[in-house]
Amino acid sequence: MSNQIVEQGGWVQLRDPPPRAGAGATATCASCVAVCCRLTVVLEPGDAVPACLTSTGPQGLRVMAKGPTGKCVALEADGMTCGIYAMRPQACRRFAENGPYCRALRAEHAYAAGLASLL
C-alpha cells in the first residue's frame, strides 16, 4: 500500500491515506507549518488574484507563485496568514482546516520528516 498524493486532470486526490496518529488529533492553522501552502494552486477563470502573485506552471496553467521556501507568495511574513484571504483562489477556499485532506497532508509531512509523534 502506498501513501501518495496524485494529481489527475487538475484535481488532487489522496490515495491510501497515511494513518492518523492519535484518535483525537486536531490540526489547526495556528499550530501548523503551512504544508498546504506548498501545494500547487491552479487558478480558475473566476479567481481575481493579482498577476504579480501568479506564475505559469509547466503545463501552461496559471498558478499561485511560490517563494524561495516553496510556499505560496501570498503568505504574510508570519508564514501562517494569507495576505489575500478575501480574494484567495477557489482551490484555497475549498481546502478545509482540519478536514480529511488537511490531516492527511500533515500526517504525510510529519512521517516524511520523522515527526509522527507530533500529530
Foldseek 3Di string as FASTA:
>chain_A
DDFDWDDDPNDIDTDPFDDAPDPPDFFDLVPDQPLVQLDWAFADPPQPDDPVQWDADPVRTITGDADPVSGGPQADPVNRDGVPVVRDGPVVVPDDHRDPVNSSSRCVVCVVVVNSVVD
